[in-house]
N, C-alpha and C. Protein backbone atom coordinates (compact mmCIF):
# COMPACT_ATOMS: atom_id res chain seq x y z
N MET A 1 0.85 -1.17 0.00
CA MET A 1 0.00 0.00 0.00
C MET A 1 0.89 1.23 0.00
N ALA A 2 0.65 2.15 -0.91
CA ALA A 2 1.46 3.37 -1.01
C ALA A 2 0.98 4.37 0.02
N SER A 3 1.93 5.03 0.62
CA SER A 3 1.56 6.06 1.59
C SER A 3 1.64 7.43 0.94
N THR A 4 0.88 8.34 1.49
CA THR A 4 0.88 9.71 0.99
C THR A 4 2.11 10.43 1.51
N PRO A 5 2.88 11.08 0.62
CA PRO A 5 4.08 11.77 1.09
C PRO A 5 3.70 12.93 2.00
N THR A 6 4.52 13.17 2.99
CA THR A 6 4.32 14.30 3.90
C THR A 6 5.57 15.15 3.88
N ARG A 7 5.38 16.42 4.17
CA ARG A 7 6.52 17.32 4.22
C ARG A 7 7.04 17.36 5.63
N ARG A 8 8.33 17.32 5.74
CA ARG A 8 8.97 17.42 7.04
C ARG A 8 10.08 18.46 6.95
N GLY A 9 10.51 18.91 8.05
CA GLY A 9 11.61 19.86 8.07
C GLY A 9 11.11 21.28 8.19
N ARG A 10 12.02 22.20 8.05
CA ARG A 10 11.71 23.59 8.32
C ARG A 10 11.00 24.27 7.16
N GLY A 11 11.30 23.90 5.91
CA GLY A 11 10.62 24.52 4.78
C GLY A 11 10.77 26.04 4.81
N ARG A 12 9.72 26.72 4.35
CA ARG A 12 9.72 28.19 4.32
C ARG A 12 9.28 28.74 5.66
N GLY A 13 10.20 28.88 6.55
CA GLY A 13 9.88 29.52 7.82
C GLY A 13 9.18 28.61 8.80
N GLY A 14 9.12 27.32 8.51
CA GLY A 14 8.48 26.40 9.44
C GLY A 14 9.25 26.32 10.74
N ARG A 15 8.60 25.78 11.75
CA ARG A 15 9.22 25.70 13.07
C ARG A 15 9.91 24.36 13.29
N GLY A 16 9.89 23.49 12.29
CA GLY A 16 10.55 22.21 12.43
C GLY A 16 9.67 21.18 13.13
N ASP A 17 8.46 21.55 13.51
CA ASP A 17 7.58 20.62 14.22
C ASP A 17 6.44 20.13 13.32
N GLY A 18 6.59 20.34 12.03
CA GLY A 18 5.57 19.91 11.08
C GLY A 18 4.51 20.97 10.83
N SER A 19 4.46 22.00 11.68
CA SER A 19 3.49 23.07 11.45
C SER A 19 4.09 24.07 10.46
N SER A 20 3.27 24.91 9.93
CA SER A 20 3.71 25.85 8.91
C SER A 20 3.47 27.28 9.37
N SER A 21 4.36 28.16 8.96
CA SER A 21 4.14 29.57 9.25
C SER A 21 3.66 30.31 8.02
N LEU A 22 3.17 29.56 7.03
CA LEU A 22 2.64 30.19 5.82
C LEU A 22 1.38 30.96 6.18
N PRO A 23 1.07 31.98 5.39
CA PRO A 23 -0.15 32.76 5.68
C PRO A 23 -1.39 31.89 5.52
N PRO A 24 -2.48 32.28 6.14
CA PRO A 24 -3.72 31.51 5.99
C PRO A 24 -4.19 31.54 4.55
N PRO A 25 -5.04 30.59 4.17
CA PRO A 25 -5.55 30.60 2.79
C PRO A 25 -6.28 31.90 2.48
N PRO A 26 -6.34 32.26 1.20
CA PRO A 26 -6.94 33.53 0.80
C PRO A 26 -8.35 33.77 1.33
N SER A 27 -9.12 32.72 1.51
CA SER A 27 -10.50 32.91 1.96
C SER A 27 -10.56 33.53 3.35
N THR A 28 -9.48 33.42 4.14
CA THR A 28 -9.50 33.98 5.49
C THR A 28 -8.80 35.33 5.57
N LEU A 29 -8.21 35.77 4.46
CA LEU A 29 -7.56 37.08 4.44
C LEU A 29 -8.54 38.15 4.00
N SER A 30 -8.40 39.35 4.55
CA SER A 30 -9.23 40.43 4.05
C SER A 30 -8.75 40.78 2.64
N LEU A 31 -9.65 41.24 1.82
CA LEU A 31 -9.33 41.55 0.44
C LEU A 31 -8.54 42.85 0.36
N ILE A 32 -7.28 42.75 -0.03
CA ILE A 32 -6.44 43.93 -0.20
C ILE A 32 -5.88 43.87 -1.61
N ILE A 33 -6.26 44.81 -2.43
CA ILE A 33 -5.79 44.86 -3.80
C ILE A 33 -4.94 46.11 -3.93
N GLU A 34 -3.62 45.94 -3.96
CA GLU A 34 -2.73 47.08 -4.07
C GLU A 34 -2.14 47.22 -5.46
N GLU A 35 -1.96 46.11 -6.16
CA GLU A 35 -1.32 46.14 -7.47
C GLU A 35 -2.13 45.33 -8.46
N PHE A 36 -2.17 45.82 -9.69
CA PHE A 36 -2.86 45.14 -10.76
C PHE A 36 -2.33 45.68 -12.08
N PHE A 37 -2.70 45.04 -13.18
CA PHE A 37 -2.30 45.55 -14.49
C PHE A 37 -3.44 45.40 -15.47
N ILE A 38 -3.33 46.18 -16.54
CA ILE A 38 -4.25 46.04 -17.67
C ILE A 38 -3.40 45.83 -18.91
N VAL A 39 -3.96 45.16 -19.88
CA VAL A 39 -3.31 44.97 -21.17
C VAL A 39 -4.11 45.79 -22.17
N VAL A 40 -3.42 46.59 -22.98
CA VAL A 40 -4.08 47.48 -23.93
C VAL A 40 -4.32 46.71 -25.23
N TYR A 41 -5.58 46.24 -25.39
CA TYR A 41 -5.98 45.49 -26.58
C TYR A 41 -6.72 46.35 -27.58
N GLU A 42 -7.24 47.47 -27.12
CA GLU A 42 -8.02 48.34 -28.00
C GLU A 42 -7.42 49.73 -27.94
N ASP A 43 -8.05 50.67 -28.58
CA ASP A 43 -7.54 52.04 -28.67
C ASP A 43 -6.95 52.49 -27.33
N PRO A 44 -5.64 52.78 -27.29
CA PRO A 44 -5.00 53.13 -26.03
C PRO A 44 -5.45 54.47 -25.45
N LEU A 45 -6.15 55.28 -26.23
CA LEU A 45 -6.51 56.61 -25.77
C LEU A 45 -7.94 56.72 -25.24
N VAL A 46 -8.73 55.66 -25.36
CA VAL A 46 -10.10 55.71 -24.83
C VAL A 46 -10.10 55.21 -23.39
N LYS A 47 -11.21 55.44 -22.70
CA LYS A 47 -11.29 55.06 -21.29
C LYS A 47 -10.86 53.60 -21.10
N LYS A 48 -10.28 53.33 -19.95
CA LYS A 48 -9.76 52.00 -19.65
C LYS A 48 -10.44 51.42 -18.43
N ALA A 49 -10.89 50.18 -18.57
CA ALA A 49 -11.52 49.46 -17.46
C ALA A 49 -10.43 48.94 -16.53
N LEU A 50 -10.64 49.12 -15.24
CA LEU A 50 -9.75 48.57 -14.23
C LEU A 50 -10.37 47.28 -13.71
N PRO A 51 -9.59 46.41 -13.10
CA PRO A 51 -10.13 45.13 -12.63
C PRO A 51 -11.29 45.32 -11.64
N LYS A 52 -12.27 44.46 -11.76
CA LYS A 52 -13.43 44.52 -10.88
C LYS A 52 -13.03 44.34 -9.42
N LYS A 53 -12.03 43.51 -9.14
CA LYS A 53 -11.59 43.32 -7.75
C LYS A 53 -11.09 44.63 -7.15
N PHE A 54 -10.44 45.46 -7.97
CA PHE A 54 -9.97 46.74 -7.46
C PHE A 54 -11.17 47.66 -7.18
N ALA A 55 -12.13 47.67 -8.08
CA ALA A 55 -13.34 48.47 -7.86
C ALA A 55 -14.06 47.99 -6.60
N ASP A 56 -14.13 46.68 -6.41
CA ASP A 56 -14.76 46.13 -5.20
C ASP A 56 -14.01 46.57 -3.95
N TYR A 57 -12.69 46.61 -4.04
CA TYR A 57 -11.85 47.04 -2.91
C TYR A 57 -12.19 48.48 -2.50
N LEU A 58 -12.52 49.32 -3.47
CA LEU A 58 -12.85 50.71 -3.19
C LEU A 58 -14.32 50.92 -2.83
N ASP A 59 -15.09 49.84 -2.76
CA ASP A 59 -16.52 49.94 -2.50
C ASP A 59 -16.80 50.85 -1.32
N GLY A 60 -17.65 51.83 -1.54
CA GLY A 60 -18.00 52.79 -0.51
C GLY A 60 -17.07 53.99 -0.46
N GLN A 61 -15.96 53.93 -1.17
CA GLN A 61 -14.99 55.03 -1.22
C GLN A 61 -14.70 55.38 -2.66
N GLU A 62 -15.68 55.28 -3.52
CA GLU A 62 -15.49 55.43 -4.95
C GLU A 62 -15.12 56.87 -5.29
N PRO A 63 -13.88 57.10 -5.70
CA PRO A 63 -13.45 58.47 -5.99
C PRO A 63 -14.00 58.97 -7.31
N ALA A 64 -14.16 60.29 -7.42
CA ALA A 64 -14.57 60.91 -8.67
C ALA A 64 -13.38 61.04 -9.60
N LYS A 65 -12.18 61.05 -9.03
CA LYS A 65 -10.96 61.11 -9.82
C LYS A 65 -9.84 60.43 -9.06
N VAL A 66 -8.83 60.02 -9.82
CA VAL A 66 -7.61 59.47 -9.24
C VAL A 66 -6.45 60.28 -9.79
N TYR A 67 -5.32 60.10 -9.18
CA TYR A 67 -4.11 60.81 -9.57
C TYR A 67 -3.07 59.78 -9.96
N LEU A 68 -2.62 59.85 -11.21
CA LEU A 68 -1.62 58.90 -11.70
C LEU A 68 -0.24 59.53 -11.60
N ARG A 69 0.69 58.76 -11.12
CA ARG A 69 2.09 59.17 -11.04
C ARG A 69 2.90 58.11 -11.77
N ALA A 70 3.61 58.52 -12.81
CA ALA A 70 4.46 57.58 -13.53
C ALA A 70 5.69 57.30 -12.68
N ALA A 71 5.97 56.03 -12.47
CA ALA A 71 7.15 55.65 -11.70
C ALA A 71 8.38 56.21 -12.39
N ASP A 72 9.31 56.74 -11.64
CA ASP A 72 10.57 57.28 -12.17
C ASP A 72 10.38 58.46 -13.11
N CYS A 73 9.30 59.20 -12.94
CA CYS A 73 9.05 60.34 -13.82
C CYS A 73 8.75 61.59 -13.02
N GLY A 74 9.36 61.70 -11.86
CA GLY A 74 9.17 62.90 -11.05
C GLY A 74 7.89 62.88 -10.25
N PRO A 75 7.62 63.97 -9.57
CA PRO A 75 6.47 64.03 -8.65
C PRO A 75 5.15 64.42 -9.31
N ARG A 76 5.14 64.66 -10.61
CA ARG A 76 3.92 65.12 -11.28
C ARG A 76 2.79 64.13 -11.10
N LEU A 77 1.62 64.67 -10.80
CA LEU A 77 0.39 63.88 -10.71
C LEU A 77 -0.52 64.25 -11.87
N TRP A 78 -1.05 63.25 -12.52
CA TRP A 78 -1.97 63.45 -13.63
C TRP A 78 -3.38 63.15 -13.12
N THR A 79 -4.26 64.12 -13.22
CA THR A 79 -5.63 63.95 -12.76
C THR A 79 -6.44 63.21 -13.83
N VAL A 80 -7.10 62.13 -13.41
CA VAL A 80 -7.91 61.33 -14.32
C VAL A 80 -9.27 61.10 -13.66
N GLU A 81 -10.32 61.47 -14.38
CA GLU A 81 -11.67 61.25 -13.86
C GLU A 81 -11.99 59.76 -13.92
N VAL A 82 -12.82 59.33 -12.96
CA VAL A 82 -13.18 57.92 -12.84
C VAL A 82 -14.68 57.77 -13.06
N LEU A 83 -15.05 56.75 -13.81
CA LEU A 83 -16.46 56.42 -14.02
C LEU A 83 -16.73 55.05 -13.40
N PHE A 84 -17.89 54.91 -12.79
CA PHE A 84 -18.38 53.62 -12.31
C PHE A 84 -19.66 53.34 -13.07
N ASP A 85 -19.81 52.12 -13.58
CA ASP A 85 -20.94 51.83 -14.46
C ASP A 85 -22.17 51.28 -13.74
N GLY A 86 -22.15 51.20 -12.43
CA GLY A 86 -23.29 50.67 -11.69
C GLY A 86 -23.33 49.16 -11.64
N GLN A 87 -22.42 48.51 -12.35
CA GLN A 87 -22.34 47.05 -12.35
C GLN A 87 -21.00 46.59 -11.77
N GLY A 88 -20.38 47.48 -11.01
CA GLY A 88 -19.14 47.11 -10.34
C GLY A 88 -17.88 47.36 -11.15
N ARG A 89 -18.00 47.98 -12.31
CA ARG A 89 -16.82 48.25 -13.13
C ARG A 89 -16.38 49.69 -12.94
N MET A 90 -15.07 49.89 -12.97
CA MET A 90 -14.45 51.21 -12.79
C MET A 90 -13.61 51.52 -14.03
N TYR A 91 -13.70 52.75 -14.51
CA TYR A 91 -12.99 53.14 -15.73
C TYR A 91 -12.17 54.41 -15.49
N LEU A 92 -10.98 54.45 -16.08
CA LEU A 92 -10.21 55.69 -16.16
C LEU A 92 -10.74 56.42 -17.38
N ASP A 93 -11.18 57.66 -17.21
CA ASP A 93 -11.84 58.37 -18.30
C ASP A 93 -11.08 59.64 -18.66
N LYS A 94 -11.71 60.79 -18.51
CA LYS A 94 -11.11 62.06 -18.92
C LYS A 94 -9.79 62.28 -18.19
N GLY A 95 -8.75 62.53 -18.96
CA GLY A 95 -7.41 62.70 -18.42
C GLY A 95 -6.52 61.51 -18.73
N TRP A 96 -7.14 60.33 -18.95
CA TRP A 96 -6.36 59.14 -19.30
C TRP A 96 -5.65 59.36 -20.64
N GLU A 97 -6.33 59.95 -21.60
CA GLU A 97 -5.73 60.17 -22.92
C GLU A 97 -4.43 60.96 -22.80
N ASN A 98 -4.43 62.03 -22.02
CA ASN A 98 -3.21 62.83 -21.83
C ASN A 98 -2.09 62.01 -21.23
N PHE A 99 -2.41 61.24 -20.21
CA PHE A 99 -1.40 60.40 -19.57
C PHE A 99 -0.86 59.37 -20.57
N ALA A 100 -1.75 58.73 -21.31
CA ALA A 100 -1.35 57.69 -22.27
C ALA A 100 -0.44 58.25 -23.36
N ILE A 101 -0.76 59.43 -23.87
CA ILE A 101 0.08 60.05 -24.91
C ILE A 101 1.46 60.37 -24.34
N ALA A 102 1.48 60.97 -23.16
CA ALA A 102 2.73 61.41 -22.57
C ALA A 102 3.65 60.25 -22.20
N HIS A 103 3.08 59.08 -21.99
CA HIS A 103 3.89 57.94 -21.53
C HIS A 103 3.95 56.82 -22.55
N GLY A 104 3.56 57.10 -23.76
CA GLY A 104 3.72 56.14 -24.85
C GLY A 104 2.91 54.87 -24.71
N VAL A 105 1.72 54.96 -24.09
CA VAL A 105 0.87 53.78 -23.98
C VAL A 105 0.30 53.51 -25.37
N ASP A 106 0.49 52.28 -25.84
CA ASP A 106 0.07 51.92 -27.20
C ASP A 106 -0.51 50.52 -27.18
N PHE A 107 -1.00 50.05 -28.35
CA PHE A 107 -1.52 48.70 -28.47
C PHE A 107 -0.47 47.71 -27.99
N GLY A 108 -0.89 46.73 -27.21
CA GLY A 108 0.01 45.69 -26.74
C GLY A 108 0.77 46.03 -25.48
N CYS A 109 0.62 47.24 -24.97
CA CYS A 109 1.32 47.61 -23.73
C CYS A 109 0.65 46.95 -22.53
N PHE A 110 1.46 46.66 -21.53
CA PHE A 110 0.99 46.24 -20.22
C PHE A 110 1.17 47.45 -19.32
N VAL A 111 0.13 47.82 -18.61
CA VAL A 111 0.20 48.98 -17.73
C VAL A 111 -0.03 48.49 -16.30
N HIS A 112 1.01 48.62 -15.48
CA HIS A 112 0.98 48.16 -14.09
C HIS A 112 0.63 49.32 -13.18
N PHE A 113 -0.30 49.09 -12.26
CA PHE A 113 -0.75 50.10 -11.31
C PHE A 113 -0.46 49.62 -9.90
N LYS A 114 -0.04 50.54 -9.06
CA LYS A 114 0.10 50.26 -7.64
C LYS A 114 -0.66 51.33 -6.88
N TYR A 115 -1.64 50.91 -6.08
CA TYR A 115 -2.45 51.85 -5.31
C TYR A 115 -1.65 52.30 -4.10
N GLU A 116 -1.46 53.61 -3.99
CA GLU A 116 -0.66 54.18 -2.91
C GLU A 116 -1.53 54.76 -1.80
N GLY A 117 -2.85 54.72 -1.99
CA GLY A 117 -3.76 55.36 -1.03
C GLY A 117 -4.04 56.78 -1.47
N ASP A 118 -4.98 57.44 -0.82
CA ASP A 118 -5.34 58.81 -1.13
C ASP A 118 -5.61 59.03 -2.62
N ASP A 119 -6.17 58.04 -3.28
CA ASP A 119 -6.56 58.10 -4.69
C ASP A 119 -5.36 58.24 -5.64
N VAL A 120 -4.17 57.86 -5.20
CA VAL A 120 -2.96 57.94 -6.03
C VAL A 120 -2.58 56.54 -6.50
N LEU A 121 -2.34 56.43 -7.81
CA LEU A 121 -1.86 55.19 -8.41
C LEU A 121 -0.52 55.46 -9.08
N THR A 122 0.50 54.68 -8.70
CA THR A 122 1.78 54.76 -9.39
C THR A 122 1.72 53.80 -10.58
N VAL A 123 2.20 54.26 -11.73
CA VAL A 123 2.03 53.52 -12.97
C VAL A 123 3.38 53.19 -13.60
N LYS A 124 3.51 51.96 -14.09
CA LYS A 124 4.66 51.53 -14.89
C LYS A 124 4.12 51.01 -16.21
N VAL A 125 4.73 51.41 -17.30
CA VAL A 125 4.29 50.99 -18.63
C VAL A 125 5.33 50.04 -19.21
N PHE A 126 4.85 48.90 -19.71
CA PHE A 126 5.70 47.91 -20.37
C PHE A 126 5.25 47.83 -21.82
N ASP A 127 6.22 47.79 -22.74
CA ASP A 127 5.85 47.76 -24.15
C ASP A 127 5.50 46.34 -24.57
N GLY A 128 5.21 46.16 -25.85
CA GLY A 128 4.79 44.87 -26.38
C GLY A 128 5.85 43.79 -26.30
N THR A 129 7.11 44.16 -26.06
CA THR A 129 8.18 43.16 -25.91
C THR A 129 8.34 42.76 -24.45
N MET A 130 7.46 43.27 -23.59
CA MET A 130 7.44 43.00 -22.15
C MET A 130 8.57 43.72 -21.41
N CYS A 131 9.15 44.73 -22.03
CA CYS A 131 10.20 45.53 -21.40
C CYS A 131 9.61 46.84 -20.91
N ARG A 132 10.06 47.26 -19.75
CA ARG A 132 9.52 48.47 -19.14
C ARG A 132 10.04 49.71 -19.86
N LYS A 133 9.14 50.68 -20.01
CA LYS A 133 9.52 51.98 -20.55
C LYS A 133 9.94 52.85 -19.38
N TYR A 134 11.11 53.43 -19.46
CA TYR A 134 11.60 54.32 -18.42
C TYR A 134 11.55 55.75 -18.93
N TYR A 135 11.18 56.65 -18.06
CA TYR A 135 11.05 58.05 -18.41
C TYR A 135 11.63 58.91 -17.30
N TYR A 136 11.93 60.13 -17.65
CA TYR A 136 12.24 61.13 -16.65
C TYR A 136 11.49 62.39 -17.03
N SER A 137 11.31 63.26 -16.08
CA SER A 137 10.53 64.47 -16.33
C SER A 137 11.47 65.65 -16.51
N ASP A 138 11.16 66.52 -17.46
CA ASP A 138 11.93 67.75 -17.62
C ASP A 138 11.19 68.91 -17.00
N ASP A 139 10.16 68.63 -16.21
CA ASP A 139 9.32 69.66 -15.65
C ASP A 139 9.20 69.44 -14.15
N ASP A 140 9.63 70.41 -13.36
CA ASP A 140 9.56 70.29 -11.91
C ASP A 140 8.21 70.71 -11.37
N ASP A 141 7.31 71.16 -12.23
CA ASP A 141 5.99 71.60 -11.82
C ASP A 141 5.18 70.39 -11.36
N THR A 142 4.65 70.43 -10.13
CA THR A 142 3.89 69.31 -9.59
C THR A 142 2.39 69.52 -9.72
N ASP A 143 1.97 70.58 -10.40
CA ASP A 143 0.54 70.82 -10.56
C ASP A 143 -0.05 69.76 -11.48
N ASP A 144 -1.35 69.58 -11.35
CA ASP A 144 -2.04 68.64 -12.22
C ASP A 144 -2.00 69.13 -13.66
N GLU A 145 -2.12 68.19 -14.57
CA GLU A 145 -2.12 68.52 -15.99
C GLU A 145 -3.44 69.16 -16.38
N SER A 146 -3.40 70.14 -17.24
CA SER A 146 -4.64 70.65 -17.82
C SER A 146 -4.85 69.92 -19.13
N ASP A 147 -6.06 69.99 -19.65
CA ASP A 147 -6.36 69.28 -20.89
C ASP A 147 -5.56 69.81 -22.07
N ASP A 148 -5.18 71.09 -22.04
CA ASP A 148 -4.49 71.69 -23.17
C ASP A 148 -2.96 71.60 -23.07
N ASP A 149 -2.46 71.10 -21.97
CA ASP A 149 -1.03 71.15 -21.71
C ASP A 149 -0.47 69.76 -21.43
N VAL A 150 -0.25 68.99 -22.49
CA VAL A 150 0.31 67.66 -22.33
C VAL A 150 1.80 67.76 -22.53
N LYS A 151 2.53 67.64 -21.43
CA LYS A 151 3.99 67.67 -21.50
C LYS A 151 4.50 66.26 -21.25
N PRO A 152 5.01 65.60 -22.28
CA PRO A 152 5.40 64.21 -22.10
C PRO A 152 6.65 64.07 -21.24
N CYS A 153 6.71 62.93 -20.59
CA CYS A 153 7.97 62.57 -19.98
C CYS A 153 8.89 62.22 -21.14
N ILE A 154 10.16 62.28 -20.92
CA ILE A 154 11.12 62.09 -22.00
C ILE A 154 11.82 60.76 -21.80
N HIS A 155 11.82 59.96 -22.85
CA HIS A 155 12.50 58.67 -22.78
C HIS A 155 14.00 58.90 -22.87
N PRO A 156 14.78 58.38 -21.92
CA PRO A 156 16.22 58.61 -21.96
C PRO A 156 16.84 57.88 -23.16
N LEU A 157 17.93 58.43 -23.65
CA LEU A 157 18.62 57.83 -24.81
C LEU A 157 19.44 56.65 -24.40
């Protein structure tokens, strides 16, 4: 009769007594969504749907706008209006186009978001080859972008 293998030893942080110090299964953890990504399959300049789990995480605190900060692109915050469709979906709307143009978001890009709290999302853009786009800012102005003033971050040579 074959026996079922068991794990013994310390493993990842175990105490050596067969018990585990691994975190509890996801069903017992509170839902915390800090990071997520979207893949740009359609027009990169139109509103973008964010994951439903992130919208659920914000339930009851649904902001009218968020502030996007490109990682490694200075302190500038880009104001982007947020839409909720009443079915649990959240969209980046007015202001997303300016951010996308300035940061080279195009078809096939992966856009990584990290929620920093206070309606701020830090953003990293990866191109279609799965390589990250790095930028720096030539503008020390930390004011929000206006619709008429799109100043792109500059890709280093």
